PDB file of N, CA and C in Angstrom:
ATOM      1  N   MET A   1     120.926  55.625  32.597  1.00  0.00           N
ATOM      2  CA  MET A   1     120.246  54.640  31.791  1.00  0.00           C
ATOM      3  C   MET A   1     121.467  53.430  31.753  1.00  0.00           C
ATOM      4  N   SER A   2     120.919  52.012  31.845  1.00  0.00           N
ATOM      5  CA  SER A   2     121.592  51.190  32.113  1.00  0.00           C
ATOM      6  C   SER A   2     121.614  50.347  30.770  1.00  0.00           C
ATOM      7  N   TYR A   3     122.965  49.762  30.098  1.00  0.00           N
ATOM      8  CA  TYR A   3     123.426  49.440  29.091  1.00  0.00           C
ATOM      9  C   TYR A   3     123.196  47.746  29.176  1.00  0.00           C
ATOM     10  N   PHE A   4     123.450  47.237  30.457  1.00  0.00           N
ATOM     11  CA  PHE A   4     123.404  45.971  30.649  1.00  0.00           C
ATOM     12  C   PHE A   4     122.759  45.679  32.049  1.00  0.00           C
ATOM     13  N   GLN A   5     122.166  44.252  32.265  1.00  0.00           N
ATOM     14  CA  GLN A   5     121.610  43.684  33.401  1.00  0.00           C
ATOM     15  C   GLN A   5     122.344  42.459  33.205  1.00  0.00           C
ATOM     16  N   VAL A   6     122.998  41.950  34.354  1.00  0.00           N
ATOM     17  CA  VAL A   6     123.542  40.500  34.397  1.00  0.00           C
ATOM     18  C   VAL A   6     123.139  40.120  35.745  1.00  0.00           C
ATOM     19  N   ASP A   7     122.666  38.812  35.638  1.00  0.00           N
ATOM     20  CA  ASP A   7     122.000  38.145  36.886  1.00  0.00           C
ATOM     21  C   ASP A   7     123.225  37.420  37.703  1.00  0.00           C
ATOM     22  N   GLU A   8     123.164  37.429  38.895  1.00  0.00           N
ATOM     23  CA  GLU A   8     124.019  36.656  39.874  1.00  0.00           C
ATOM     24  C   GLU A   8     124.591  35.302  39.321  1.00  0.00           C
ATOM     25  N   GLY A   9     124.006  34.762  39.001  1.00  0.00           N
ATOM     26  CA  GLY A   9     124.404  33.531  38.287  1.00  0.00           C
ATOM     27  C   GLY A   9     125.596  33.603  37.071  1.00  0.00           C
ATOM     28  N   ALA A  10     125.105  34.543  36.106  1.00  0.00           N
ATOM     29  CA  ALA A  10     126.118  34.835  35.190  1.00  0.00           C
ATOM     30  C   ALA A  10     127.495  35.264  35.721  1.00  0.00           C
ATOM     31  N   LEU A  11     127.110  36.187  36.619  1.00  0.00           N
ATOM     32  CA  LEU A  11     128.433  36.929  37.247  1.00  0.00           C
ATOM     33  C   LEU A  11     129.218  36.056  38.078  1.00  0.00           C
ATOM     34  N   LYS A  12     128.649  35.000  38.677  1.00  0.00           N
ATOM     35  CA  LYS A  12     129.462  34.163  39.606  1.00  0.00           C
ATOM     36  C   LYS A  12     130.194  33.011  38.154  1.00  0.00           C
ATOM     37  N   ALA A  13     129.345  32.642  37.336  1.00  0.00           N
ATOM     38  CA  ALA A  13     130.218  32.056  36.197  1.00  0.00           C
ATOM     39  C   ALA A  13     131.101  32.393  35.437  1.00  0.00           C
ATOM     40  N   MET A  14     130.894  34.147  34.874  1.00  0.00           N
ATOM     41  CA  MET A  14     131.980  34.846  34.569  1.00  0.00           C
ATOM     42  C   MET A  14     133.384  34.812  35.278  1.00  0.00           C
ATOM     43  N   HIS A  15     132.899  35.109  36.718  1.00  0.00           N
ATOM     44  CA  HIS A  15     134.253  35.211  37.526  1.00  0.00           C
ATOM     45  C   HIS A  15     134.966  33.841  37.702  1.00  0.00           C
ATOM     46  N   GLU A  16     134.306  32.853  37.715  1.00  0.00           N
ATOM     47  CA  GLU A  16     134.755  31.426  37.602  1.00  0.00           C
ATOM     48  C   GLU A  16     135.665  31.087  36.289  1.00  0.00           C
ATOM     49  N   PHE A  17     134.954  31.477  35.244  1.00  0.00           N
ATOM     50  CA  PHE A  17     135.761  31.264  33.762  1.00  0.00           C
ATOM     51  C   PHE A  17     137.045  32.241  33.666  1.00  0.00           C
ATOM     52  N   LEU A  18     136.906  33.512  33.882  1.00  0.00           N
ATOM     53  CA  LEU A  18     137.774  34.554  33.679  1.00  0.00           C
ATOM     54  C   LEU A  18     138.950  33.990  34.684  1.00  0.00           C
ATOM     55  N   SER A  19     138.493  33.757  35.729  1.00  0.00           N
ATOM     56  CA  SER A  19     139.677  33.275  36.760  1.00  0.00           C
ATOM     57  C   SER A  19     140.624  31.957  36.400  1.00  0.00           C
ATOM     58  N   GLU A  20     139.935  31.140  35.737  1.00  0.00           N
ATOM     59  CA  GLU A  20     140.301  29.900  35.702  1.00  0.00           C
ATOM     60  C   GLU A  20     141.276  30.040  34.208  1.00  0.00           C
ATOM     61  N   GLN A  21     140.875  30.996  33.472  1.00  0.00           N
ATOM     62  CA  GLN A  21     141.745  31.459  32.474  1.00  0.00           C
ATOM     63  C   GLN A  21     142.981  32.332  32.597  1.00  0.00           C
ATOM     64  N   GLY A  22     142.737  32.993  33.832  1.00  0.00           N
ATOM     65  CA  GLY A  22     143.915  34.008  34.279  1.00  0.00           C
ATOM     66  C   GLY A  22     143.765  35.319  33.545  1.00  0.00           C
ATOM     67  N   LEU A  23     142.284  35.675  33.312  1.00  0.00           N
ATOM     68  CA  LEU A  23     142.039  36.853  32.710  1.00  0.00           C
ATOM     69  C   LEU A  23     141.462  37.785  33.498  1.00  0.00           C
ATOM     70  N   ASP A  24     141.588  38.936  33.253  1.00  0.00           N
ATOM     71  CA  ASP A  24     141.139  40.138  33.893  1.00  0.00           C
ATOM     72  C   ASP A  24     139.391  40.182  33.695  1.00  0.00           C
ATOM     73  N   PRO A  25     138.563  40.763  34.363  1.00  0.00           N
ATOM     74  CA  PRO A  25     137.202  40.704  34.611  1.00  0.00           C
ATOM     75  C   PRO A  25     136.365  41.493  33.588  1.00  0.00           C
ATOM     76  N   TRP A  26     136.625  41.574  32.446  1.00  0.00           N
ATOM     77  CA  TRP A  26     136.211  42.197  31.365  1.00  0.00           C
ATOM     78  C   TRP A  26     135.459  41.337  30.402  1.00  0.00           C
ATOM     79  N   VAL A  27     134.070  41.693  29.855  1.00  0.00           N
ATOM     80  CA  VAL A  27     133.464  40.916  28.968  1.00  0.00           C
ATOM     81  C   VAL A  27     132.732  41.932  28.137  1.00  0.00           C
ATOM     82  N   ARG A  28     133.012  41.515  26.900  1.00  0.00           N
ATOM     83  CA  ARG A  28     132.467  42.556  25.808  1.00  0.00           C
ATOM     84  C   ARG A  28     130.840  41.524  25.335  1.00  0.00           C
ATOM     85  N   VAL A  29     130.147  42.288  24.961  1.00  0.00           N
ATOM     86  CA  VAL A  29     128.904  42.050  24.413  1.00  0.00           C
ATOM     87  C   VAL A  29     129.077  42.344  22.715  1.00  0.00           C
ATOM     88  N   GLU A  30     129.093  41.191  21.981  1.00  0.00           N
ATOM     89  CA  GLU A  30     129.478  41.761  20.651  1.00  0.00           C
ATOM     90  C   GLU A  30     128.415  40.720  19.695  1.00  0.00           C
ATOM     91  N   ILE A  31     128.248  41.261  18.400  1.00  0.00           N
ATOM     92  CA  ILE A  31     127.762  40.273  17.408  1.00  0.00           C
ATOM     93  C   ILE A  31     128.642  39.598  16.523  1.00  0.00           C
ATOM     94  N   GLN A  32     128.299  38.190  16.813  1.00  0.00           N
ATOM     95  CA  GLN A  32     129.153  37.042  16.458  1.00  0.00           C
ATOM     96  C   GLN A  32     128.224  36.350  15.203  1.00  0.00           C
ATOM     97  N   PHE A  33     129.115  35.862  14.457  1.00  0.00           N
ATOM     98  CA  PHE A  33     128.736  35.147  13.066  1.00  0.00           C
ATOM     99  C   PHE A  33     129.210  33.745  13.417  1.00  0.00           C
ATOM    100  N   THR A  34     128.190  32.615  13.088  1.00  0.00           N
ATOM    101  CA  THR A  34     128.737  31.546  13.072  1.00  0.00           C
ATOM    102  C   THR A  34     129.099  30.923  11.778  1.00  0.00           C
ATOM    103  N   GLY A  35     128.877  31.539  10.674  1.00  0.00           N
ATOM    104  CA  GLY A  35     128.943  31.094   9.415  1.00  0.00           C
ATOM    105  C   GLY A  35     127.707  30.169   8.888  1.00  0.00           C
ATOM    106  N   CYS A  36     126.733  29.669   9.897  1.00  0.00           N
ATOM    107  CA  CYS A  36     125.869  28.780   8.890  1.00  0.00           C
ATOM    108  C   CYS A  36     124.305  29.368   9.318  1.00  0.00           C
ATOM    109  N   CYS A  37     124.323  30.501  10.505  1.00  0.00           N
ATOM    110  CA  CYS A  37     122.961  30.871  10.700  1.00  0.00           C
ATOM    111  C   CYS A  37     122.944  32.239  10.872  1.00  0.00           C
ATOM    112  N   ASP A  38     121.759  32.736  11.251  1.00  0.00           N
ATOM    113  CA  ASP A  38     121.918  34.204  11.628  1.00  0.00           C
ATOM    114  C   ASP A  38     122.881  34.907  12.694  1.00  0.00           C
ATOM    115  N   ALA A  39     123.386  35.922  12.540  1.00  0.00           N
ATOM    116  CA  ALA A  39     124.052  36.687  13.411  1.00  0.00           C
ATOM    117  C   ALA A  39     123.416  36.404  14.977  1.00  0.00           C
ATOM    118  N   THR A  40     124.276  36.321  15.803  1.00  0.00           N
ATOM    119  CA  THR A  40     123.871  36.331  17.467  1.00  0.00           C
ATOM    120  C   THR A  40     124.504  37.258  18.396  1.00  0.00           C
ATOM    121  N   LEU A  41     124.390  37.204  19.631  1.00  0.00           N
ATOM    122  CA  LEU A  41     124.897  38.384  20.589  1.00  0.00           C
ATOM    123  C   LEU A  41     125.660  37.096  21.057  1.00  0.00           C
ATOM    124  N   GLY A  42     126.886  37.410  21.327  1.00  0.00           N
ATOM    125  CA  GLY A  42     128.060  36.666  22.066  1.00  0.00           C
ATOM    126  C   GLY A  42     128.611  37.510  23.215  1.00  0.00           C
ATOM    127  N   LEU A  43     129.602  36.733  23.804  1.00  0.00           N
ATOM    128  CA  LEU A  43     130.816  37.370  24.740  1.00  0.00           C
ATOM    129  C   LEU A  43     131.822  36.843  24.539  1.00  0.00           C
ATOM    130  N   ALA A  44     132.626  37.963  24.697  1.00  0.00           N
ATOM    131  CA  ALA A  44     134.266  37.708  24.648  1.00  0.00           C
ATOM    132  C   ALA A  44     134.873  38.269  25.745  1.00  0.00           C
ATOM    133  N   ALA A  45     136.157  37.570  25.975  1.00  0.00           N
ATOM    134  CA  ALA A  45     136.882  38.194  27.041  1.00  0.00           C
ATOM    135  C   ALA A  45     137.644  39.380  26.518  1.00  0.00           C
ATOM    136  N   ASP A  46     137.484  40.831  26.531  1.00  0.00           N
ATOM    137  CA  ASP A  46     137.947  41.877  25.940  1.00  0.00           C
ATOM    138  C   ASP A  46     137.889  43.052  26.574  1.00  0.00           C
ATOM    139  N   LYS A  47     138.901  43.926  26.911  1.00  0.00           N
ATOM    140  CA  LYS A  47     138.773  45.215  27.432  1.00  0.00           C
ATOM    141  C   LYS A  47     138.256  46.264  26.807  1.00  0.00           C
ATOM    142  N   ALA A  48     137.820  47.265  27.361  1.00  0.00           N
ATOM    143  CA  ALA A  48     137.068  48.347  26.788  1.00  0.00           C
ATOM    144  C   ALA A  48     138.034  48.990  25.851  1.00  0.00           C
ATOM    145  N   ARG A  49     137.483  49.548  24.580  1.00  0.00           N
ATOM    146  CA  ARG A  49     138.180  50.129  23.676  1.00  0.00           C
ATOM    147  C   ARG A  49     137.839  51.713  23.642  1.00  0.00           C
ATOM    148  N   GLU A  50     138.316  52.691  22.983  1.00  0.00           N
ATOM    149  CA  GLU A  50     138.018  54.126  23.025  1.00  0.00           C
ATOM    150  C   GLU A  50     136.397  54.228  22.609  1.00  0.00           C
ATOM    151  N   GLY A  51     135.649  54.775  22.942  1.00  0.00           N
ATOM    152  CA  GLY A  51     134.159  54.988  22.758  1.00  0.00           C
ATOM    153  C   GLY A  51     133.287  54.401  23.052  1.00  0.00           C
ATOM    154  N   ASP A  52     133.895  52.856  23.474  1.00  0.00           N
ATOM    155  CA  ASP A  52     132.890  51.714  24.195  1.00  0.00           C
ATOM    156  C   ASP A  52     132.040  52.222  25.264  1.00  0.00           C
ATOM    157  N   PHE A  53     130.758  51.704  25.536  1.00  0.00           N
ATOM    158  CA  PHE A  53     129.991  51.939  26.637  1.00  0.00           C
ATOM    159  C   PHE A  53     130.258  50.586  27.576  1.00  0.00           C
ATOM    160  N   SER A  54     130.376  51.159  28.730  1.00  0.00           N
ATOM    161  CA  SER A  54     130.917  49.977  29.706  1.00  0.00           C
ATOM    162  C   SER A  54     130.441  50.459  31.049  1.00  0.00           C
ATOM    163  N   GLU A  55     130.099  49.356  31.858  1.00  0.00           N
ATOM    164  CA  GLU A  55     129.531  49.336  33.330  1.00  0.00           C
ATOM    165  C   GLU A  55     130.065  48.161  34.332  1.00  0.00           C
ATOM    166  N   GLU A  56     130.284  48.570  35.318  1.00  0.00           N
ATOM    167  CA  GLU A  56     130.913  47.521  36.142  1.00  0.00           C
ATOM    168  C   GLU A  56     129.451  46.758  36.851  1.00  0.00           C
ATOM    169  N   HIS A  57     129.479  45.602  37.008  1.00  0.00           N
ATOM    170  CA  HIS A  57     128.416  44.723  37.576  1.00  0.00           C
ATOM    171  C   HIS A  57     129.233  43.642  38.439  1.00  0.00           C
ATOM    172  N   GLY A  58     128.930  43.815  39.609  1.00  0.00           N
ATOM    173  CA  GLY A  58     129.590  42.762  40.583  1.00  0.00           C
ATOM    174  C   GLY A  58     130.852  42.388  40.199  1.00  0.00           C
ATOM    175  N   GLY A  59     131.967  43.448  39.838  1.00  0.00           N
ATOM    176  CA  GLY A  59     133.305  43.077  39.699  1.00  0.00           C
ATOM    177  C   GLY A  59     133.712  42.637  38.355  1.00  0.00           C
ATOM    178  N   VAL A  60     132.663  42.622  37.762  1.00  0.00           N
ATOM    179  CA  VAL A  60     132.849  42.201  36.126  1.00  0.00           C
ATOM    180  C   VAL A  60     132.490  43.499  35.313  1.00  0.00           C
ATOM    181  N   THR A  61     133.414  44.172  34.582  1.00  0.00           N
ATOM    182  CA  THR A  61     132.921  45.454  33.705  1.00  0.00           C
ATOM    183  C   THR A  61     132.785  44.737  32.404  1.00  0.00           C
ATOM    184  N   MET A  62     131.311  45.004  31.980  1.00  0.00           N
ATOM    185  CA  MET A  62     130.660  44.732  30.709  1.00  0.00           C
ATOM    186  C   MET A  62     131.207  46.006  29.768  1.00  0.00           C
ATOM    187  N   VAL A  63     131.245  45.711  28.648  1.00  0.00           N
ATOM    188  CA  VAL A  63     131.412  46.433  27.422  1.00  0.00           C
ATOM    189  C   VAL A  63     130.895  46.207  26.224  1.00  0.00           C
ATOM    190  N   MET A  64     130.508  47.308  25.572  1.00  0.00           N
ATOM    191  CA  MET A  64     129.956  47.107  24.207  1.00  0.00           C
ATOM    192  C   MET A  64     130.204  48.142  23.166  1.00  0.00           C
ATOM    193  N   ASP A  65     130.393  48.015  22.046  1.00  0.00           N
ATOM    194  CA  ASP A  65     130.714  49.085  20.971  1.00  0.00           C
ATOM    195  C   ASP A  65     129.290  49.862  20.967  1.00  0.00           C
ATOM    196  N   PRO A  66     129.310  51.098  20.617  1.00  0.00           N
ATOM    197  CA  PRO A  66     128.056  51.872  20.551  1.00  0.00           C
ATOM    198  C   PRO A  66     127.325  51.550  19.271  1.00  0.00           C
ATOM    199  N   ASP A  67     128.005  50.997  18.145  1.00  0.00           N
ATOM    200  CA  ASP A  67     127.097  50.622  17.211  1.00  0.00           C
ATOM    201  C   ASP A  67     126.384  49.550  17.332  1.00  0.00           C
ATOM    202  N   VAL A  68     127.057  48.432  18.125  1.00  0.00           N
ATOM    203  CA  VAL A  68     126.226  47.485  18.675  1.00  0.00           C
ATOM    204  C   VAL A  68     124.900  47.914  19.375  1.00  0.00           C
ATOM    205  N   TYR A  69     125.269  48.705  20.244  1.00  0.00           N
ATOM    206  CA  TYR A  69     124.068  49.136  21.078  1.00  0.00           C
ATOM    207  C   TYR A  69     123.003  49.960  20.188  1.00  0.00           C
ATOM    208  N   LYS A  70     123.412  50.639  18.984  1.00  0.00           N
ATOM    209  CA  LYS A  70     122.513  51.167  18.232  1.00  0.00           C
ATOM    210  C   LYS A  70     121.299  50.243  17.455  1.00  0.00           C
ATOM    211  N   THR A  71     122.120  48.826  17.473  1.00  0.00           N
ATOM    212  CA  THR A  71     121.250  47.878  16.575  1.00  0.00           C
ATOM    213  C   THR A  71     120.614  46.978  17.453  1.00  0.00           C
ATOM    214  N   VAL A  72     121.218  46.745  18.775  1.00  0.00           N
ATOM    215  CA  VAL A  72     120.278  45.846  19.631  1.00  0.00           C
ATOM    216  C   VAL A  72     119.652  46.634  21.104  1.00  0.00           C
ATOM    217  N   GLY A  73     120.267  47.681  21.376  1.00  0.00           N
ATOM    218  CA  GLY A  73     119.677  48.282  22.572  1.00  0.00           C
ATOM    219  C   GLY A  73     120.128  47.650  23.658  1.00  0.00           C
ATOM    220  N   ALA A  74     119.578  47.870  24.832  1.00  0.00           N
ATOM    221  CA  ALA A  74     120.254  47.191  26.282  1.00  0.00           C
ATOM    222  C   ALA A  74     119.974  45.749  26.158  1.00  0.00           C
ATOM    223  N   VAL A  75     121.108  45.064  26.898  1.00  0.00           N
ATOM    224  CA  VAL A  75     121.206  43.911  26.975  1.00  0.00           C
ATOM    225  C   VAL A  75     120.996  43.410  28.244  1.00  0.00           C
ATOM    226  N   SER A  76     120.617  41.915  28.354  1.00  0.00           N
ATOM    227  CA  SER A  76     120.519  41.258  29.407  1.00  0.00           C
ATOM    228  C   SER A  76     121.354  39.703  29.436  1.00  0.00           C
ATOM    229  N   VAL A  77     122.203  39.325  30.556  1.00  0.00           N
ATOM    230  CA  VAL A  77     123.056  38.272  30.439  1.00  0.00           C
ATOM    231  C   VAL A  77     122.552  37.325  31.449  1.00  0.00           C
ATOM    232  N   ALA A  78     122.097  36.200  31.584  1.00  0.00           N
ATOM    233  CA  ALA A  78     121.688  35.091  32.466  1.00  0.00           C
ATOM    234  C   ALA A  78     122.380  33.896  32.294  1.00  0.00           C
ATOM    235  N   HIS A  79     122.508  33.090  33.177  1.00  0.00           N
ATOM    236  CA  HIS A  79     123.207  31.995  33.292  1.00  0.00           C
ATOM    237  C   HIS A  79     122.142  30.599  33.112  1.00  0.00           C
ATOM    238  N   ALA A  80     122.581  29.822  32.193  1.00  0.00           N
ATOM    239  CA  ALA A  80     121.864  28.510  32.263  1.00  0.00           C
ATOM    240  C   ALA A  80     122.688  27.592  32.736  1.00  0.00           C
ATOM    241  N   ASP A  81     122.239  26.493  33.504  1.00  0.00           N
ATOM    242  CA  ASP A  81     122.699  25.472  34.359  1.00  0.00           C
ATOM    243  C   ASP A  81     121.934  24.320  33.990  1.00  0.00           C
ATOM    244  N   GLU A  82     121.386  23.869  33.091  1.00  0.00           N
ATOM    245  CA  GLU A  82     120.664  22.975  33.152  1.00  0.00           C
ATOM    246  C   GLU A  82     121.235  21.592  32.272  1.00  0.00           C
ATOM    247  N   ALA A  83     120.778  20.309  32.222  1.00  0.00           N
ATOM    248  CA  ALA A  83     121.376  19.165  31.680  1.00  0.00           C
ATOM    249  C   ALA A  83     121.523  19.416  30.323  1.00  0.00           C
ATOM    250  N   ASN A  84     120.483  19.948  29.451  1.00  0.00           N
ATOM    251  CA  ASN A  84     120.710  20.216  27.899  1.00  0.00           C
ATOM    252  C   ASN A  84     121.058  21.544  27.625  1.00  0.00           C
ATOM    253  N   ARG A  85     121.153  22.425  28.675  1.00  0.00           N
ATOM    254  CA  ARG A  85     121.393  23.999  28.267  1.00  0.00           C
ATOM    255  C   ARG A  85     122.322  24.546  29.234  1.00  0.00           C
ATOM    256  N   GLN A  86     123.546  24.739  28.869  1.00  0.00           N
ATOM    257  CA  GLN A  86     124.518  25.318  29.724  1.00  0.00           C
ATOM    258  C   GLN A  86     125.313  26.634  29.142  1.00  0.00           C
ATOM    259  N   GLY A  87     125.497  27.595  29.730  1.00  0.00           N
ATOM    260  CA  GLY A  87     126.160  28.591  29.242  1.00  0.00           C
ATOM    261  C   GLY A  87     125.483  30.142  29.411  1.00  0.00           C
ATOM    262  N   PHE A  88     125.972  31.014  28.869  1.00  0.00           N
ATOM    263  CA  PHE A  88     125.124  32.344  29.172  1.00  0.00           C
ATOM    264  C   PHE A  88     124.081  32.525  28.062  1.00  0.00           C
ATOM    265  N   VAL A  89     122.983  33.101  28.585  1.00  0.00           N
ATOM    266  CA  VAL A  89     121.742  33.583  27.742  1.00  0.00           C
ATOM    267  C   VAL A  89     121.948  35.149  27.705  1.00  0.00           C
ATOM    268  N   VAL A  90     122.223  35.448  26.352  1.00  0.00           N
ATOM    269  CA  VAL A  90     122.279  36.908  26.118  1.00  0.00           C
ATOM    270  C   VAL A  90     121.163  37.368  25.037  1.00  0.00           C
ATOM    271  N   LYS A  91     120.223  38.520  25.817  1.00  0.00           N
ATOM    272  CA  LYS A  91     119.046  38.851  24.888  1.00  0.00           C
ATOM    273  C   LYS A  91     119.061  40.085  25.037  1.00  0.00           C
ATOM    274  N   SER A  92     118.720  40.866  23.935  1.00  0.00           N
ATOM    275  CA  SER A  92     118.579  42.314  23.893  1.00  0.00           C
ATOM    276  C   SER A  92     117.193  43.034  23.659  1.00  0.00           C
ATOM    277  N   GLU A  93     117.247  44.192  23.763  1.00  0.00           N
ATOM    278  CA  GLU A  93     115.807  44.969  23.790  1.00  0.00           C
ATOM    279  C   GLU A  93     115.567  45.050  22.332  1.00  0.00           C
ATOM    280  N   ARG A  94     116.276  44.653  21.335  1.00  0.00           N
ATOM    281  CA  ARG A  94     115.850  44.528  19.821  1.00  0.00           C
ATOM    282  C   ARG A  94     116.413  43.466  19.401  1.00  0.00           C
ATOM    283  N   PRO A  95     115.982  42.414  19.310  1.00  0.00           N
ATOM    284  CA  PRO A  95     116.562  40.918  18.995  1.00  0.00           C
ATOM    285  C   PRO A  95     117.122  40.822  17.535  1.00  0.00           C
ATOM    286  N   LEU A  96     118.157  40.377  17.307  1.00  0.00           N
ATOM    287  CA  LEU A  96     118.743  40.477  15.897  1.00  0.00           C
ATOM    288  C   LEU A  96     118.008  39.386  14.892  1.00  0.00           C
ATOM    289  N   ASN A  97     117.214  38.440  15.736  1.00  0.00           N
ATOM    290  CA  ASN A  97     116.567  37.341  14.949  1.00  0.00           C
ATOM    291  C   ASN A  97     115.673  36.793  15.566  1.00  0.00           C
ATOM    292  N   GLU A  98     114.881  35.831  15.164  1.00  0.00           N
ATOM    293  CA  GLU A  98     113.784  34.998  15.833  1.00  0.00           C
ATOM    294  C   GLU A  98     114.295  34.293  16.961  1.00  0.00           C
ATOM    295  N   TRP A  99     115.333  33.629  16.755  1.00  0.00           N
ATOM    296  CA  TRP A  99     116.099  32.927  17.653  1.00  0.00           C
ATOM    297  C   TRP A  99     116.835  33.493  18.877  1.00  0.00           C
ATOM    298  N   ALA A 100     117.094  34.654  18.879  1.00  0.00           N
ATOM    299  CA  ALA A 100     117.700  35.453  19.690  1.00  0.00           C
ATOM    300  C   ALA A 100     117.580  35.003  21.221  1.00  0.00           C
ATOM    301  N   GLY A 101     118.777  34.830  21.743  1.00  0.00           N
ATOM    302  CA  GLY A 101     118.681  34.370  23.308  1.00  0.00           C
ATOM    303  C   GLY A 101     118.173  33.105  23.455  1.00  0.00           C
ATOM    304  N   PHE A 102     117.790  32.079  22.424  1.00  0.00           N
ATOM    305  CA  PHE A 102     117.656  30.844  22.678  1.00  0.00           C
ATOM    306  C   PHE A 102     118.588  29.625  23.202  1.00  0.00           C
ATOM    307  N   ALA A 103     119.704  29.857  22.068  1.00  0.00           N
ATOM    308  CA  ALA A 103     120.854  29.249  22.698  1.00  0.00           C
ATOM    309  C   ALA A 103     121.811  29.937  23.599  1.00  0.00           C
ATOM    310  N   PRO A 104     122.491  29.124  24.537  1.00  0.00           N
ATOM    311  CA  PRO A 104     123.239  29.565  25.433  1.00  0.00           C
ATOM    312  C   PRO A 104     124.688  29.814  24.685  1.00  0.00           C
ATOM    313  N   VAL A 105     125.623  30.747  24.916  1.00  0.00           N
ATOM    314  CA  VAL A 105     126.793  30.936  24.281  1.00  0.00           C
ATOM    315  C   VAL A 105     127.909  30.958  25.406  1.00  0.00           C
ATOM    316  N   GLY A 106     129.057  30.592  25.131  1.00  0.00           N
ATOM    317  CA  GLY A 106     130.409  30.803  26.149  1.00  0.00           C
ATOM    318  C   GLY A 106     131.118  32.007  25.914  1.00  0.00           C
ATOM    319  N   ILE A 107     132.125  32.230  26.572  1.00  0.00           N
ATOM    320  CA  ILE A 107     133.042  33.523  26.449  1.00  0.00           C
ATOM    321  C   ILE A 107     134.220  33.087  25.648  1.00  0.00           C
ATOM    322  N   VAL A 108     134.397  33.752  24.405  1.00  0.00           N
ATOM    323  CA  VAL A 108     135.262  33.608  23.438  1.00  0.00           C
ATOM    324  C   VAL A 108     136.563  34.303  23.941  1.00  0.00           C
ATOM    325  N   VAL A 109     137.669  33.612  24.005  1.00  0.00           N
ATOM    326  CA  VAL A 109     139.027  33.983  24.524  1.00  0.00           C
ATOM    327  C   VAL A 109     139.724  34.063  23.054  1.00  0.00           C
ATOM    328  N   ARG A 110     140.175  35.317  22.998  1.00  0.00           N
ATOM    329  CA  ARG A 110     140.988  35.197  21.645  1.00  0.00           C
ATOM    330  C   ARG A 110     142.614  35.305  21.944  1.00  0.00           C
TER     331      ARG A 110
END
């Protein structure tokens, strides 16, 4: 069973961003809250923690908390590079809301 699907464009953009930031190639899928709207799936530069699900895709290790997986299921990450839409498009088997995957997100660095 695969927890993640990551397209080539997303992998390339992840490598570029993480390299520019001087970060290791680890990306966490997490539930993020913006304060004004429904929760959404987002990405963060973060290594695996004990118990996380993880998979290596093209040199990037994707990680996710098991509770997030129970909520959303398998996750796909694509990259949008259009005039009005740039960033990572994160979709899941069980969307969090009707707008899930609509707006591209960046990778949060903490």
